[in-house]
Amino acid sequence: MNNYNPTLLNDRAISEMLCMSPSWVRKQRWLRRKGEPHTLTIEPIMIGTTPRYKHEDITDWLQNCCQPTFH
C-alpha cells in the first residue's frame, strides 16, 4: 500500500501563501479551464466539486515561475 499522503490546500490557503485573494485563485482556475491566459498554471485535484492543490505543486510553481526582482 502506498503511504504517500500529500498535503492538500484549498483556495484560501493558497491565496495566503501567494498574498492574493481567494477570488484571484478561483479566477485563475476558471481562466485555465476556459483556455484563457492565466498565471496560476497548477492543475487542481478535484474531490467531488471541491478543488484542492498539493502543497509541493505550489512550492515548485513558486520556485520555477517567480524570480526575485532587484532594484
Protein backbone atom coordinates (compact mmCIF):
# COMPACT_ATOMS: atom_id res chain seq x y z
CA MET A 1 0.00 0.00 0.00
CA ASN A 2 1.22 3.48 -0.86
CA ASN A 3 1.93 5.66 2.19
CA TYR A 4 2.23 8.88 0.16
CA ASN A 5 -0.11 11.44 1.69
CA PRO A 6 0.26 14.89 0.10
CA THR A 7 -0.84 17.97 1.98
CA LEU A 8 -3.82 19.36 0.09
CA LEU A 9 -4.59 23.07 0.18
CA ASN A 10 -7.80 24.94 -0.52
CA ASP A 11 -8.18 28.29 -2.29
CA ARG A 12 -7.86 30.28 0.94
CA ALA A 13 -4.60 28.58 1.96
CA ILE A 14 -3.11 29.15 -1.49
CA SER A 15 -4.21 32.76 -1.54
CA GLU A 16 -2.48 33.31 1.81
CA MET A 17 0.72 31.70 0.51
CA LEU A 18 0.65 33.94 -2.58
CA CYS A 19 -0.59 37.11 -0.82
CA MET A 20 -3.52 37.18 -3.22
CA SER A 21 -7.27 36.94 -2.64
CA PRO A 22 -9.20 33.65 -2.78
CA SER A 23 -11.20 35.13 -5.67
CA TRP A 24 -7.94 35.58 -7.63
CA VAL A 25 -7.20 31.85 -7.20
CA ARG A 26 -10.73 30.96 -8.34
CA LYS A 27 -10.49 33.28 -11.35
CA GLN A 28 -7.14 31.77 -12.36
CA ARG A 29 -8.70 28.28 -12.24
CA TRP A 30 -11.67 29.50 -14.32
CA LEU A 31 -9.38 31.13 -16.89
CA ARG A 32 -7.31 27.93 -17.11
CA ARG A 33 -10.44 25.83 -17.70
CA LYS A 34 -11.62 28.20 -20.44
CA GLY A 35 -8.23 28.20 -22.17
CA GLU A 36 -7.69 31.90 -21.48
CA PRO A 37 -4.33 33.43 -20.46
CA HIS A 38 -3.68 32.76 -16.78
CA THR A 39 -0.85 32.92 -14.26
CA LEU A 40 -1.57 30.05 -11.88
CA THR A 41 -0.70 27.03 -14.03
CA ILE A 42 -1.28 24.29 -11.45
CA GLU A 43 -3.93 21.68 -12.12
CA PRO A 44 -6.16 21.16 -9.06
CA ILE A 45 -7.13 17.81 -7.63
CA MET A 46 -10.90 17.68 -7.63
CA ILE A 47 -12.53 15.98 -4.66
CA GLY A 48 -16.10 15.91 -5.86
CA THR A 49 -16.63 19.52 -6.91
CA THR A 50 -14.06 20.89 -4.46
CA PRO A 51 -10.64 21.87 -5.86
CA ARG A 52 -7.53 21.15 -3.81
CA TYR A 53 -3.88 21.71 -4.63
CA LYS A 54 -0.82 19.77 -3.50
CA HIS A 55 1.45 21.87 -1.29
CA GLU A 56 4.53 20.64 -3.18
CA ASP A 57 2.98 21.74 -6.51
CA ILE A 58 2.51 25.26 -5.14
CA THR A 59 6.06 25.50 -3.77
CA ASP A 60 7.51 24.08 -7.02
CA TRP A 61 5.47 26.58 -9.05
CA LEU A 62 6.71 29.45 -6.89
CA GLN A 63 10.33 28.39 -7.28
CA ASN A 64 10.09 27.90 -11.04
CA CYS A 65 7.96 30.80 -12.20
CA CYS A 66 8.72 33.64 -9.84
CA GLN A 67 12.12 35.25 -9.88
CA PRO A 68 13.08 37.92 -7.35
CA THR A 69 13.22 41.46 -8.64
CA PHE A 70 16.20 43.56 -7.61
CA HIS A 71 16.08 47.33 -7.82
